[in-house]
C-alpha atoms as a PDB file:
ATOM      1  CA  MET A   1     125.573  56.581  95.938  1.00  0.00           C
ATOM      2  CA  LEU A   2     123.848  53.986  98.119  1.00  0.00           C
ATOM      3  CA  LYS A   3     123.036  56.689 100.683  1.00  0.00           C
ATOM      4  CA  THR A   4     121.498  58.866  98.007  1.00  0.00           C
ATOM      5  CA  ILE A   5     119.331  56.029  96.705  1.00  0.00           C
ATOM      6  CA  THR A   6     118.206  55.130 100.220  1.00  0.00           C
ATOM      7  CA  THR A   7     117.312  58.738 101.064  1.00  0.00           C
ATOM      8  CA  ALA A   8     115.288  59.072  97.875  1.00  0.00           C
ATOM      9  CA  PHE A   9     113.535  55.763  98.602  1.00  0.00           C
ATOM     10  CA  LEU A  10     112.595  56.868 102.099  1.00  0.00           C
ATOM     11  CA  PHE A  11     111.252  60.156 100.737  1.00  0.00           C
ATOM     12  CA  LEU A  12     109.074  58.379  98.264  1.00  0.00           C
ATOM     13  CA  LEU A  13     107.965  55.950 100.961  1.00  0.00           C
ATOM     14  CA  VAL A  14     106.887  58.877 103.158  1.00  0.00           C
ATOM     15  CA  LEU A  15     104.915  60.451 100.300  1.00  0.00           C
ATOM     16  CA  THR A  16     103.233  57.127  99.497  1.00  0.00           C
ATOM     17  CA  VAL A  17     102.235  56.559 103.112  1.00  0.00           C
ATOM     18  CA  GLN A  18     100.991  60.142 103.392  1.00  0.00           C
ATOM     19  CA  ALA A  19      98.947  59.823 100.145  1.00  0.00           C
ATOM     20  CA  ALA A  20      97.523  56.519 101.376  1.00  0.00           C
ATOM     21  CA  SER A  21      96.318  58.248 104.574  1.00  0.00           C
ATOM     22  CA  GLU A  22      94.337  60.862 102.585  1.00  0.00           C
ATOM     23  CA  TYR A  23      91.295  60.867 100.413  1.00  0.00           C
ATOM     24  CA  SER A  24      89.703  63.517  98.235  1.00  0.00           C
ATOM     25  CA  LEU A  25      86.128  64.650  97.592  1.00  0.00           C
ATOM     26  CA  GLN A  26      84.845  66.843  94.755  1.00  0.00           C
ATOM     27  CA  GLY A  27      84.336  70.561  95.178  1.00  0.00           C
ATOM     28  CA  ASN A  28      80.577  70.139  95.107  1.00  0.00           C
ATOM     29  CA  ASN A  29      80.474  67.431  97.823  1.00  0.00           C
ATOM     30  CA  PRO A  30      77.269  67.633  99.826  1.00  0.00           C
ATOM     31  CA  GLY A  31      79.298  67.857 102.988  1.00  0.00           C
ATOM     32  CA  VAL A  32      80.112  71.516 102.109  1.00  0.00           C
ATOM     33  CA  THR A  33      77.727  74.455 102.274  1.00  0.00           C
ATOM     34  CA  TYR A  34      78.308  77.291  99.835  1.00  0.00           C
ATOM     35  CA  VAL A  35      76.695  80.661 100.489  1.00  0.00           C
ATOM     36  CA  GLY A  36      76.516  83.134  97.603  1.00  0.00           C
ATOM     37  CA  ARG A  37      76.481  82.762  93.835  1.00  0.00           C
ATOM     38  CA  TYR A  38      78.578  79.979  92.365  1.00  0.00           C
ATOM     39  CA  ASP A  39      78.721  77.633  89.397  1.00  0.00           C
ATOM     40  CA  THR A  40      79.357  73.872  89.331  1.00  0.00           C
ATOM     41  CA  ALA A  41      81.240  72.311  86.423  1.00  0.00           C
ATOM     42  CA  SER A  42      80.731  68.822  85.064  1.00  0.00           C
ATOM     43  CA  ASP A  43      83.853  67.571  86.931  1.00  0.00           C
ATOM     44  CA  GLY A  44      82.348  68.682  90.293  1.00  0.00           C
ATOM     45  CA  SER A  45      84.506  71.750  90.735  1.00  0.00           C
ATOM     46  CA  VAL A  46      82.880  74.893  92.055  1.00  0.00           C
ATOM     47  CA  SER A  47      83.760  78.397  90.828  1.00  0.00           C
ATOM     48  CA  TYR A  48      82.788  81.842  92.168  1.00  0.00           C
ATOM     49  CA  ASP A  49      84.025  85.395  91.883  1.00  0.00           C
ATOM     50  CA  TRP A  50      81.521  87.726  93.721  1.00  0.00           C
ATOM     51  CA  THR A  51      83.056  89.198  96.840  1.00  0.00           C
ATOM     52  CA  GLY A  52      81.941  87.641 100.153  1.00  0.00           C
ATOM     53  CA  VAL A  53      81.110  84.137  98.735  1.00  0.00           C
ATOM     54  CA  PHE A  54      82.077  81.561 101.303  1.00  0.00           C
ATOM     55  CA  PHE A  55      81.902  77.887 102.078  1.00  0.00           C
ATOM     56  CA  GLU A  56      81.531  76.176 105.451  1.00  0.00           C
ATOM     57  CA  THR A  57      81.946  72.640 106.558  1.00  0.00           C
ATOM     58  CA  ASP A  58      82.176  70.776 109.876  1.00  0.00           C
ATOM     59  CA  ILE A  59      85.111  68.360 109.804  1.00  0.00           C
ATOM     60  CA  THR A  60      86.453  65.557 111.922  1.00  0.00           C
ATOM     61  CA  GLY A  61      89.911  64.045 111.702  1.00  0.00           C
ATOM     62  CA  GLY A  62      91.753  67.311 112.397  1.00  0.00           C
ATOM     63  CA  TYR A  63      92.796  68.058 108.794  1.00  0.00           C
ATOM     64  CA  LEU A  64      91.410  69.745 105.684  1.00  0.00           C
ATOM     65  CA  ALA A  65      93.024  70.940 102.521  1.00  0.00           C
ATOM     66  CA  ILE A  66      91.737  72.055  99.140  1.00  0.00           C
ATOM     67  CA  ASP A  67      92.965  71.872  95.596  1.00  0.00           C
ATOM     68  CA  VAL A  68      92.217  75.345  94.274  1.00  0.00           C
ATOM     69  CA  SER A  69      93.002  77.474  91.222  1.00  0.00           C
ATOM     70  CA  GLU A  70      92.517  81.167  90.500  1.00  0.00           C
ATOM     71  CA  ALA A  71      91.815  83.215  87.425  1.00  0.00           C
ATOM     72  CA  GLY A  72      93.731  86.283  88.594  1.00  0.00           C
ATOM     73  CA  THR A  73      94.291  86.957  92.316  1.00  0.00           C
ATOM     74  CA  SER A  74      91.932  86.693  95.282  1.00  0.00           C
ATOM     75  CA  TRP A  75      92.315  87.073  99.021  1.00  0.00           C
ATOM     76  CA  HIS A  76      90.299  84.849 101.332  1.00  0.00           C
ATOM     77  CA  ASN A  77      89.619  84.983 105.096  1.00  0.00           C
ATOM     78  CA  LEU A  78      90.057  81.713 106.916  1.00  0.00           C
ATOM     79  CA  PHE A  79      88.014  81.006 110.059  1.00  0.00           C
ATOM     80  CA  ILE A  80      88.222  77.967 112.327  1.00  0.00           C
ATOM     81  CA  ASP A  81      85.461  77.458 114.905  1.00  0.00           C
ATOM     82  CA  GLY A  82      84.339  81.045 114.327  1.00  0.00           C
ATOM     83  CA  GLN A  83      87.738  82.605 114.983  1.00  0.00           C
ATOM     84  CA  TRP A  84      89.578  84.414 112.228  1.00  0.00           C
ATOM     85  CA  GLN A  85      92.935  82.780 111.474  1.00  0.00           C
ATOM     86  CA  GLN A  86      94.552  84.563 108.528  1.00  0.00           C
ATOM     87  CA  LYS A  87      94.071  86.113 105.128  1.00  0.00           C
ATOM     88  CA  ILE A  88      95.206  83.829 102.376  1.00  0.00           C
ATOM     89  CA  LYS A  89      96.334  85.025  98.905  1.00  0.00           C
ATOM     90  CA  ILE A  90      95.381  82.675  96.092  1.00  0.00           C
ATOM     91  CA  THR A  91      96.785  83.069  92.590  1.00  0.00           C
ATOM     92  CA  GLY A  92      97.703  80.759  89.709  1.00  0.00           C
ATOM     93  CA  ASP A  93      95.462  79.029  87.143  1.00  0.00           C
ATOM     94  CA  LYS A  94      96.781  75.559  87.891  1.00  0.00           C
ATOM     95  CA  PRO A  95      95.286  73.573  90.792  1.00  0.00           C
ATOM     96  CA  GLN A  96      97.467  73.865  93.915  1.00  0.00           C
ATOM     97  CA  ARG A  97      97.170  72.272  97.340  1.00  0.00           C
ATOM     98  CA  LEU A  98      96.251  74.645 100.167  1.00  0.00           C
ATOM     99  CA  VAL A  99      96.090  73.309 103.740  1.00  0.00           C
ATOM    100  CA  LEU A 100      93.291  75.044 105.724  1.00  0.00           C
ATOM    101  CA  ALA A 101      93.551  73.107 108.964  1.00  0.00           C
ATOM    102  CA  GLN A 102      95.824  70.501 110.468  1.00  0.00           C
ATOM    103  CA  LYS A 103      96.593  68.998 113.888  1.00  0.00           C
ATOM    104  CA  LEU A 104      93.268  70.155 115.259  1.00  0.00           C
ATOM    105  CA  SER A 105      92.040  68.584 118.472  1.00  0.00           C
ATOM    106  CA  LYS A 106      89.673  65.635 118.431  1.00  0.00           C
ATOM    107  CA  GLY A 107      86.065  66.264 117.729  1.00  0.00           C
ATOM    108  CA  THR A 108      84.228  68.429 115.179  1.00  0.00           C
ATOM    109  CA  HIS A 109      85.588  71.767 113.940  1.00  0.00           C
ATOM    110  CA  ARG A 110      83.928  74.307 111.678  1.00  0.00           C
ATOM    111  CA  ILE A 111      85.982  75.659 108.735  1.00  0.00           C
ATOM    112  CA  ARG A 112      84.909  78.728 106.772  1.00  0.00           C
ATOM    113  CA  LEU A 113      86.753  80.193 103.755  1.00  0.00           C
ATOM    114  CA  GLN A 114      85.444  83.548 102.643  1.00  0.00           C
ATOM    115  CA  LYS A 115      86.424  85.395  99.472  1.00  0.00           C
ATOM    116  CA  CYS A 116      87.053  88.925 100.652  1.00  0.00           C
ATOM    117  CA  THR A 117      88.088  90.654  97.381  1.00  0.00           C
ATOM    118  CA  GLU A 118      85.956  91.257  94.320  1.00  0.00           C
ATOM    119  CA  GLY A 119      85.440  89.526  91.018  1.00  0.00           C
ATOM    120  CA  GLN A 120      87.324  92.052  88.884  1.00  0.00           C
ATOM    121  CA  TYR A 121      90.556  90.784  90.424  1.00  0.00           C
ATOM    122  CA  GLY A 122      90.011  87.043  90.408  1.00  0.00           C
ATOM    123  CA  CYS A 123      87.724  84.006  90.119  1.00  0.00           C
ATOM    124  CA  THR A 124      88.266  81.069  92.483  1.00  0.00           C
ATOM    125  CA  THR A 125      87.705  77.360  91.640  1.00  0.00           C
ATOM    126  CA  ILE A 126      87.532  74.682  94.329  1.00  0.00           C
ATOM    127  CA  HIS A 127      88.529  71.380  92.678  1.00  0.00           C
ATOM    128  CA  GLN A 128      88.764  69.010  95.563  1.00  0.00           C
ATOM    129  CA  PHE A 129      88.675  68.724  99.349  1.00  0.00           C
ATOM    130  CA  ILE A 130      91.297  66.500 100.974  1.00  0.00           C
ATOM    131  CA  LEU A 131      90.825  64.832 104.354  1.00  0.00           C
ATOM    132  CA  ARG A 132      92.723  62.292 106.394  1.00  0.00           C
ATOM    133  CA  GLN A 133      91.427  58.753 106.377  1.00  0.00           C
ATOM    134  CA  GLY A 134      88.643  58.510 108.969  1.00  0.00           C
ATOM    135  CA  GLY A 135      87.891  62.223 108.730  1.00  0.00           C
ATOM    136  CA  LYS A 136      84.509  63.467 107.503  1.00  0.00           C
ATOM    137  CA  MET A 137      82.889  66.608 106.255  1.00  0.00           C
ATOM    138  CA  SER A 138      79.305  67.594 107.190  1.00  0.00           C
ATOM    139  CA  PRO A 139      77.260  70.489 105.802  1.00  0.00           C
ATOM    140  CA  VAL A 140      76.567  73.545 107.956  1.00  0.00           C
ATOM    141  CA  GLU A 141      72.906  74.413 108.284  1.00  0.00           C
ATOM    142  CA  ARG A 142      72.148  77.827 106.880  1.00  0.00           C
ATOM    143  CA  LYS A 143      71.007  80.520 109.256  1.00  0.00           C
ATOM    144  CA  GLU A 144      67.336  81.429 109.506  1.00  0.00           C
ATOM    145  CA  ARG A 145      68.068  84.991 108.400  1.00  0.00           C
ATOM    146  CA  MET A 146      69.506  86.033 105.062  1.00  0.00           C
ATOM    147  CA  ILE A 147      70.504  89.441 103.783  1.00  0.00           C
ATOM    148  CA  GLU A 148      71.537  90.422 100.280  1.00  0.00           C
ATOM    149  CA  ILE A 149      73.250  93.703  99.438  1.00  0.00           C
ATOM    150  CA  TYR A 150      73.512  95.268  96.001  1.00  0.00           C
ATOM    151  CA  GLY A 151      76.276  97.846  96.029  1.00  0.00           C
ATOM    152  CA  ASP A 152      79.604  99.258  94.927  1.00  0.00           C
ATOM    153  CA  SER A 153      83.049  99.770  96.516  1.00  0.00           C
ATOM    154  CA  TYR A 154      81.526 100.666  99.904  1.00  0.00           C
ATOM    155  CA  THR A 155      79.904  97.214  99.979  1.00  0.00           C
ATOM    156  CA  CYS A 156      83.038  95.465  98.716  1.00  0.00           C
ATOM    157  CA  GLY A 157      85.131  96.772 101.571  1.00  0.00           C
ATOM    158  CA  TYR A 158      87.478  98.746  99.302  1.00  0.00           C
ATOM    159  CA  GLY A 159      90.250 100.168 101.479  1.00  0.00           C
ATOM    160  CA  THR A 160      88.774  98.950 104.811  1.00  0.00           C
ATOM    161  CA  GLU A 161      92.214  97.807 106.048  1.00  0.00           C
ATOM    162  CA  SER A 162      93.845 101.164 105.159  1.00  0.00           C
ATOM    163  CA  GLN A 163      94.023 103.949 107.734  1.00  0.00           C
ATOM    164  CA  LYS A 164      94.624 107.029 105.608  1.00  0.00           C
ATOM    165  CA  ALA A 165      92.299 108.672 103.089  1.00  0.00           C
ATOM    166  CA  ASN A 166      95.150 109.482 100.712  1.00  0.00           C
ATOM    167  CA  ASP A 167      96.489 105.934 100.574  1.00  0.00           C
ATOM    168  CA  ARG A 168      96.483 104.417  97.093  1.00  0.00           C
ATOM    169  CA  PHE A 169      94.206 101.407  96.724  1.00  0.00           C
ATOM    170  CA  SER A 170      95.787  97.933  96.939  1.00  0.00           C
ATOM    171  CA  ILE A 171      93.915  94.686  96.710  1.00  0.00           C
ATOM    172  CA  ASP A 172      95.460  93.448  99.915  1.00  0.00           C
ATOM    173  CA  THR A 173      93.646  96.202 101.889  1.00  0.00           C
ATOM    174  CA  GLU A 174      90.215  95.265 100.499  1.00  0.00           C
ATOM    175  CA  ASN A 175      88.197  93.099 102.861  1.00  0.00           C
ATOM    176  CA  CYS A 176      84.447  92.781 102.590  1.00  0.00           C
ATOM    177  CA  ASP A 177      84.274  91.155 106.002  1.00  0.00           C
ATOM    178  CA  LYS A 178      85.059  94.584 107.449  1.00  0.00           C
ATOM    179  CA  ALA A 179      82.357  96.382 105.465  1.00  0.00           C
ATOM    180  CA  TYR A 180      78.911  97.282 106.702  1.00  0.00           C
ATOM    181  CA  GLY A 181      77.064  94.399 104.969  1.00  0.00           C
ATOM    182  CA  CYS A 182      79.002  91.673 106.774  1.00  0.00           C
ATOM    183  CA  ILE A 183      78.995  93.711 109.992  1.00  0.00           C
ATOM    184  CA  ILE A 184      75.228  93.970 109.929  1.00  0.00           C
ATOM    185  CA  ALA A 185      74.849  90.234 109.110  1.00  0.00           C
ATOM    186  CA  ARG A 186      77.076  89.351 112.082  1.00  0.00           C
ATOM    187  CA  TYR A 187      75.011  91.537 114.374  1.00  0.00           C
ATOM    188  CA  PHE A 188      71.730  89.918 113.343  1.00  0.00           C
ATOM    189  CA  ASP A 189      73.293  86.444 113.127  1.00  0.00           C
ATOM    190  CA  ALA A 190      72.352  86.251 109.484  1.00  0.00           C
ATOM    191  CA  ASP A 191      73.825  84.785 106.330  1.00  0.00           C
ATOM    192  CA  TYR A 192      74.549  87.263 103.579  1.00  0.00           C
ATOM    193  CA  ALA A 193      75.350  87.643  99.874  1.00  0.00           C
ATOM    194  CA  LEU A 194      77.143  90.641  98.314  1.00  0.00           C
ATOM    195  CA  THR A 195      76.306  91.551  94.767  1.00  0.00           C
ATOM    196  CA  ALA A 196      78.731  94.406  94.439  1.00  0.00           C
ATOM    197  CA  HIS A 197      81.404  95.846  92.155  1.00  0.00           C
ATOM    198  CA  SER A 198      83.654  98.850  92.772  1.00  0.00           C
ATOM    199  CA  GLY A 199      83.304 101.899  90.536  1.00  0.00           C
ATOM    200  CA  GLN A 200      79.910 100.886  89.190  1.00  0.00           C
ATOM    201  CA  GLY A 201      76.546 102.578  89.579  1.00  0.00           C
ATOM    202  CA  MET A 202      72.965 101.777  88.783  1.00  0.00           C
ATOM    203  CA  VAL A 203      73.430 102.992  85.212  1.00  0.00           C
ATOM    204  CA  ARG A 204      76.801 104.789  85.066  1.00  0.00           C
ATOM    205  CA  ASP A 205      80.343 104.006  86.196  1.00  0.00           C
ATOM    206  CA  TRP A 206      82.733 106.322  87.955  1.00  0.00           C
ATOM    207  CA  GLY A 207      83.857 109.143  85.614  1.00  0.00           C
ATOM    208  CA  ASP A 208      82.284 107.662  82.490  1.00  0.00           C
ATOM    209  CA  PRO A 209      81.848 110.361  79.808  1.00  0.00           C
ATOM    210  CA  LYS A 210      78.559 108.689  78.866  1.00  0.00           C
ATOM    211  CA  GLN A 211      75.348 109.023  80.866  1.00  0.00           C
ATOM    212  CA  ILE A 212      74.694 105.281  80.508  1.00  0.00           C
ATOM    213  CA  SER A 213      77.724 102.999  80.810  1.00  0.00           C
ATOM    214  CA  ASP A 214      77.976  99.978  78.560  1.00  0.00           C
ATOM    215  CA  VAL A 215      78.441  97.770  81.677  1.00  0.00           C
ATOM    216  CA  ASN A 216      76.900  98.787  84.951  1.00  0.00           C
ATOM    217  CA  MET A 217      75.226  97.169  87.927  1.00  0.00           C
ATOM    218  CA  SER A 218      71.925  97.020  86.001  1.00  0.00           C
ATOM    219  CA  THR A 219      73.609  94.829  83.416  1.00  0.00           C
ATOM    220  CA  ARG A 220      75.678  92.835  85.923  1.00  0.00           C
ATOM    221  CA  TYR A 221      73.505  91.944  88.904  1.00  0.00           C
ATOM    222  CA  THR A 222      71.572  89.194  87.204  1.00  0.00           C
ATOM    223  CA  HIS A 223      74.669  87.153  86.431  1.00  0.00           C
ATOM    224  CA  VAL A 224      76.198  84.132  88.211  1.00  0.00           C
ATOM    225  CA  PHE A 225      79.659  85.796  87.988  1.00  0.00           C
ATOM    226  CA  ASP A 226      80.682  89.345  88.656  1.00  0.00           C
ATOM    227  CA  ASP A 227      83.399  89.558  86.041  1.00  0.00           C
ATOM    228  CA  HIS A 228      83.952  86.104  84.504  1.00  0.00           C
ATOM    229  CA  GLY A 229      81.150  85.511  82.041  1.00  0.00           C
ATOM    230  CA  ASN A 230      77.521  86.478  81.436  1.00  0.00           C
ATOM    231  CA  LYS A 231      75.767  83.338  82.550  1.00  0.00           C
ATOM    232  CA  GLU A 232      72.346  84.212  83.890  1.00  0.00           C
ATOM    233  CA  TYR A 233      71.735  83.596  87.585  1.00  0.00           C
ATOM    234  CA  THR A 234      68.632  81.600  88.564  1.00  0.00           C
ATOM    235  CA  PHE A 235      68.182  83.374  91.934  1.00  0.00           C
ATOM    236  CA  THR A 236      67.858  79.952  93.647  1.00  0.00           C
ATOM    237  CA  HIS A 237      71.099  79.611  95.652  1.00  0.00           C
ATOM    238  CA  TYR A 238      69.644  81.599  98.540  1.00  0.00           C
ATOM    239  CA  ARG A 239      66.461  83.433  99.447  1.00  0.00           C
ATOM    240  CA  PRO A 240      66.906  86.663 101.453  1.00  0.00           C
ATOM    241  CA  GLN A 241      64.242  88.148 103.693  1.00  0.00           C
ATOM    242  CA  LEU A 242      65.939  91.530 103.407  1.00  0.00           C
ATOM    243  CA  VAL A 243      67.700  93.253 100.463  1.00  0.00           C
ATOM    244  CA  LEU A 244      69.701  96.432 100.800  1.00  0.00           C
ATOM    245  CA  ILE A 245      70.390  98.556  97.665  1.00  0.00           C
ATOM    246  CA  ASN A 246      73.286 101.027  98.058  1.00  0.00           C
ATOM    247  CA  LEU A 247      74.025 102.420  94.572  1.00  0.00           C
ATOM    248  CA  GLY A 248      74.392 105.880  93.207  1.00  0.00           C
ATOM    249  CA  THR A 249      77.687 107.419  94.221  1.00  0.00           C
ATOM    250  CA  ASN A 250      79.317 106.382  90.957  1.00  0.00           C
ATOM    251  CA  ASP A 251      76.284 107.343  88.857  1.00  0.00           C
ATOM    252  CA  PHE A 252      76.702 110.992  89.867  1.00  0.00           C
ATOM    253  CA  SER A 253      80.465 111.102  89.800  1.00  0.00           C
ATOM    254  CA  PRO A 254      82.052 113.958  87.698  1.00  0.00           C
ATOM    255  CA  VAL A 255      81.548 114.453  83.989  1.00  0.00           C
ATOM    256  CA  ALA A 256      78.196 113.262  82.475  1.00  0.00           C
ATOM    257  CA  ILE A 257      75.680 112.501  85.179  1.00  0.00           C
ATOM    258  CA  PRO A 258      72.498 110.594  84.219  1.00  0.00           C
ATOM    259  CA  THR A 259      69.054 112.195  84.360  1.00  0.00           C
ATOM    260  CA  ASP A 260      66.817 111.540  87.385  1.00  0.00           C
ATOM    261  CA  GLU A 261      64.569 109.452  85.137  1.00  0.00           C
ATOM    262  CA  GLN A 262      67.432 107.305  83.912  1.00  0.00           C
ATOM    263  CA  TYR A 263      68.667 106.569  87.386  1.00  0.00           C
ATOM    264  CA  VAL A 264      65.291 106.145  89.027  1.00  0.00           C
ATOM    265  CA  GLY A 265      63.938 104.130  86.143  1.00  0.00           C
ATOM    266  CA  ALA A 266      66.718 101.581  86.472  1.00  0.00           C
ATOM    267  CA  TYR A 267      66.372 101.547  90.271  1.00  0.00           C
ATOM    268  CA  LEU A 268      62.655 100.755  89.984  1.00  0.00           C
ATOM    269  CA  GLN A 269      63.388  97.986  87.513  1.00  0.00           C
ATOM    270  CA  MET A 270      65.925  96.465  89.968  1.00  0.00           C
ATOM    271  CA  ILE A 271      63.328  96.592  92.716  1.00  0.00           C
ATOM    272  CA  LYS A 272      60.752  94.868  90.482  1.00  0.00           C
ATOM    273  CA  THR A 273      63.200  92.143  89.492  1.00  0.00           C
ATOM    274  CA  ILE A 274      64.155  91.486  93.127  1.00  0.00           C
ATOM    275  CA  GLN A 275      60.542  91.348  94.199  1.00  0.00           C
ATOM    276  CA  ASP A 276      59.649  88.934  91.340  1.00  0.00           C
ATOM    277  CA  LYS A 277      62.520  86.641  92.313  1.00  0.00           C
ATOM    278  CA  TYR A 278      62.066  86.820  96.076  1.00  0.00           C
ATOM    279  CA  SER A 279      58.346  86.944  96.860  1.00  0.00           C
ATOM    280  CA  GLY A 280      57.639  88.963 100.033  1.00  0.00           C
ATOM    281  CA  VAL A 281      61.206  90.263 100.351  1.00  0.00           C
ATOM    282  CA  LYS A 282      61.675  93.622 102.086  1.00  0.00           C
ATOM    283  CA  ILE A 283      63.905  96.165 100.320  1.00  0.00           C
ATOM    284  CA  LEU A 284      65.813  98.998 102.058  1.00  0.00           C
ATOM    285  CA  CYS A 285      67.112 101.746  99.737  1.00  0.00           C
ATOM    286  CA  VAL A 286      70.226 103.367 101.217  1.00  0.00           C
ATOM    287  CA  THR A 287      71.389 106.892 100.735  1.00  0.00           C
ATOM    288  CA  PRO A 288      75.191 106.649 100.668  1.00  0.00           C
ATOM    289  CA  HIS A 289      77.086 108.774 103.225  1.00  0.00           C
ATOM    290  CA  SER A 290      78.821 110.578 100.356  1.00  0.00           C
ATOM    291  CA  ALA A 291      75.667 111.321  98.342  1.00  0.00           C
ATOM    292  CA  SER A 292      76.002 114.474  96.256  1.00  0.00           C
ATOM    293  CA  ARG A 293      73.071 116.881  95.895  1.00  0.00           C
ATOM    294  CA  TYR A 294      72.334 115.358  92.497  1.00  0.00           C
ATOM    295  CA  LEU A 295      72.088 111.901  93.972  1.00  0.00           C
ATOM    296  CA  GLN A 296      70.018 113.175  96.917  1.00  0.00           C
ATOM    297  CA  ALA A 297      67.590 114.789  94.423  1.00  0.00           C
ATOM    298  CA  SER A 298      67.245 111.563  92.503  1.00  0.00           C
ATOM    299  CA  LEU A 299      66.701 109.541  95.650  1.00  0.00           C
ATOM    300  CA  GLN A 300      64.010 112.023  96.668  1.00  0.00           C
ATOM    301  CA  LEU A 301      62.282 111.241  93.365  1.00  0.00           C
ATOM    302  CA  LEU A 302      62.749 107.529  94.045  1.00  0.00           C
ATOM    303  CA  ALA A 303      61.094 107.996  97.518  1.00  0.00           C
ATOM    304  CA  GLU A 304      58.091 109.573  95.800  1.00  0.00           C
ATOM    305  CA  ARG A 305      57.825 106.736  93.326  1.00  0.00           C
ATOM    306  CA  VAL A 306      58.072 103.952  95.902  1.00  0.00           C
ATOM    307  CA  ASN A 307      55.768 105.692  98.372  1.00  0.00           C
ATOM    308  CA  GLY A 308      52.942 103.240  99.114  1.00  0.00           C
ATOM    309  CA  MET A 309      54.777 100.370  97.430  1.00  0.00           C
ATOM    310  CA  PRO A 310      54.630  97.329  99.721  1.00  0.00           C
ATOM    311  CA  ASN A 311      57.839  96.214 101.452  1.00  0.00           C
ATOM    312  CA  VAL A 312      60.026  99.025 100.027  1.00  0.00           C
ATOM    313  CA  TYR A 313      61.669 101.437 102.461  1.00  0.00           C
ATOM    314  CA  MET A 314      63.995 104.487 102.275  1.00  0.00           C
ATOM    315  CA  ALA A 315      66.887 104.503 104.795  1.00  0.00           C
ATOM    316  CA  ASN A 316      67.654 107.576 106.800  1.00  0.00           C
ATOM    317  CA  PRO A 317      70.490 109.747 105.341  1.00  0.00           C
ATOM    318  CA  LEU A 318      74.047 109.009 106.456  1.00  0.00           C
ATOM    319  CA  SER A 319      75.600 112.363 105.554  1.00  0.00           C
ATOM    320  CA  GLY A 320      78.415 113.634 107.732  1.00  0.00           C
ATOM    321  CA  MET A 321      78.826 110.328 109.532  1.00  0.00           C
ATOM    322  CA  VAL A 322      82.160 109.300 108.060  1.00  0.00           C
ATOM    323  CA  THR A 323      84.997 111.722 108.788  1.00  0.00           C
ATOM    324  CA  GLU A 324      88.206 111.987 106.816  1.00  0.00           C
ATOM    325  CA  GLU A 325      90.383 112.260 109.933  1.00  0.00           C
ATOM    326  CA  ARG A 326      89.408 108.953 111.552  1.00  0.00           C
ATOM    327  CA  ASP A 327      87.036 106.961 109.360  1.00  0.00           C
ATOM    328  CA  MET A 328      88.525 106.781 105.892  1.00  0.00           C
ATOM    329  CA  GLY A 329      90.983 104.417 104.269  1.00  0.00           C
ATOM    330  CA  ALA A 330      92.348 104.188 100.715  1.00  0.00           C
ATOM    331  CA  ASP A 331      91.042 106.699  98.124  1.00  0.00           C
ATOM    332  CA  TRP A 332      88.668 108.329 100.665  1.00  0.00           C
ATOM    333  CA  HIS A 333      86.654 105.205 101.245  1.00  0.00           C
ATOM    334  CA  PRO A 334      85.379 104.147 104.669  1.00  0.00           C
ATOM    335  CA  ASN A 335      87.900 102.161 106.694  1.00  0.00           C
ATOM    336  CA  TYR A 336      86.747  99.623 109.193  1.00  0.00           C
ATOM    337  CA  GLN A 337      85.713 102.202 111.795  1.00  0.00           C
ATOM    338  CA  GLY A 338      83.786 104.136 109.182  1.00  0.00           C
ATOM    339  CA  GLN A 339      82.077 100.979 108.039  1.00  0.00           C
ATOM    340  CA  CYS A 340      81.052 100.210 111.647  1.00  0.00           C
ATOM    341  CA  LYS A 341      79.476 103.645 111.831  1.00  0.00           C
ATOM    342  CA  ILE A 342      77.416 102.993 108.671  1.00  0.00           C
ATOM    343  CA  ALA A 343      76.336  99.614 110.070  1.00  0.00           C
ATOM    344  CA  MET A 344      75.414 101.195 113.409  1.00  0.00           C
ATOM    345  CA  ALA A 345      73.148 103.695 111.661  1.00  0.00           C
ATOM    346  CA  LEU A 346      71.370 101.061 109.591  1.00  0.00           C
ATOM    347  CA  ILE A 347      70.856  98.416 112.306  1.00  0.00           C
ATOM    348  CA  PRO A 348      67.990 100.187 114.119  1.00  0.00           C
ATOM    349  CA  GLN A 349      66.161 100.800 110.830  1.00  0.00           C
ATOM    350  CA  ILE A 350      66.592  97.095 109.882  1.00  0.00           C
ATOM    351  CA  SER A 351      65.309  96.102 113.312  1.00  0.00           C
ATOM    352  CA  ALA A 352      62.212  98.206 112.835  1.00  0.00           C
ATOM    353  CA  ILE A 353      61.553  96.887 109.326  1.00  0.00           C
ATOM    354  CA  MET A 354      62.215  93.213 110.032  1.00  0.00           C
ATOM    355  CA  GLY A 355      61.205  92.905 113.673  1.00  0.00           C
ATOM    356  CA  TRP A 356      64.676  91.583 114.469  1.00  0.00           C
ATOM    357  CA  GLU A 357      65.536  92.318 118.051  1.00  0.00           C
ATOM    358  CA  LEU A 358      68.298  94.658 119.134  1.00  0.00           C
ATOM    359  CA  THR A 359      70.766  93.170 121.603  1.00  0.00           C
ATOM    360  CA  ASP A 360      73.780  94.277 123.588  1.00  0.00           C
ATOM    361  CA  LYS A 361      76.043  92.646 121.044  1.00  0.00           C
ATOM    362  CA  VAL A 362      79.034  94.736 119.965  1.00  0.00           C
ATOM    363  CA  VAL A 363      78.838  96.017 116.393  1.00  0.00           C
ATOM    364  CA  LYS A 364      82.028  94.633 114.810  1.00  0.00           C
END
């Protein structure tokens, strides 16, 4: 009995000493840099659900943990000092302790946690950051270049970690960091934001029997959250110099396709909204590699309508670039190799539009 009491006392003593050696900071602490769309609650917690949202912080003290909760399920990529460490599955609507780094060497280390799955599966809330006594967090300065991409499953990285076209989709094979948007951002050393949702088009969702879906990217892209509320976004968390729009595959999926005017009209409205929010931004309209003849015809009409419009460009076609044998993952979506091909085709066009230099950097 005495041994049991002594063991329990020692265990509690260890926990007490450990707790005394730690301190916590709110999720919105200024020592953390968030990139993407997010919302801050009155208690200082930070919530986000769009794919690709990430935070970065430079820490000392060798240790960092977070108290985090999840509405649904999300996967996150963890990077330390620029090197990928692991994918982390987060689920459970009660705050839980998640250790991101421990026993790091002396000095400053950069931690990045990137949401790599999309909002329809989960919404993440960072409640607190936990450090060892003496450790500090410092914000990471944002990069000079910023790119935003409005898209669908191709932008979300749906199936990028699958290797066969006939694989069924699973959330654990979705990884936006292996999709063309993040690949392009890495090449140009740019920050990025992904405003994307699988299965949705400019006005119509995949296989919808109606020409205009009740919820589509035209109704969704002005919101703080992808799939967890309709709070309007202020367009102030970041300011891109370049916006890519890659929407249309789902609009012209089987059943009831929209008219050219319906699709192009919504596209032009999105362009106007983006230009109003980001003065001087350049917009590149992408023709998806899988574009049907109906989509190609509508994009030709769009090209005519934007001809002469300042700072609006049409990308070169990508047809035939992604092959089923080598470049497709789950549900006939581009895998990582296919996504690299798409990025490699767009990079020279972006360089010409933006004046950003090409280098011998590997596209990855």
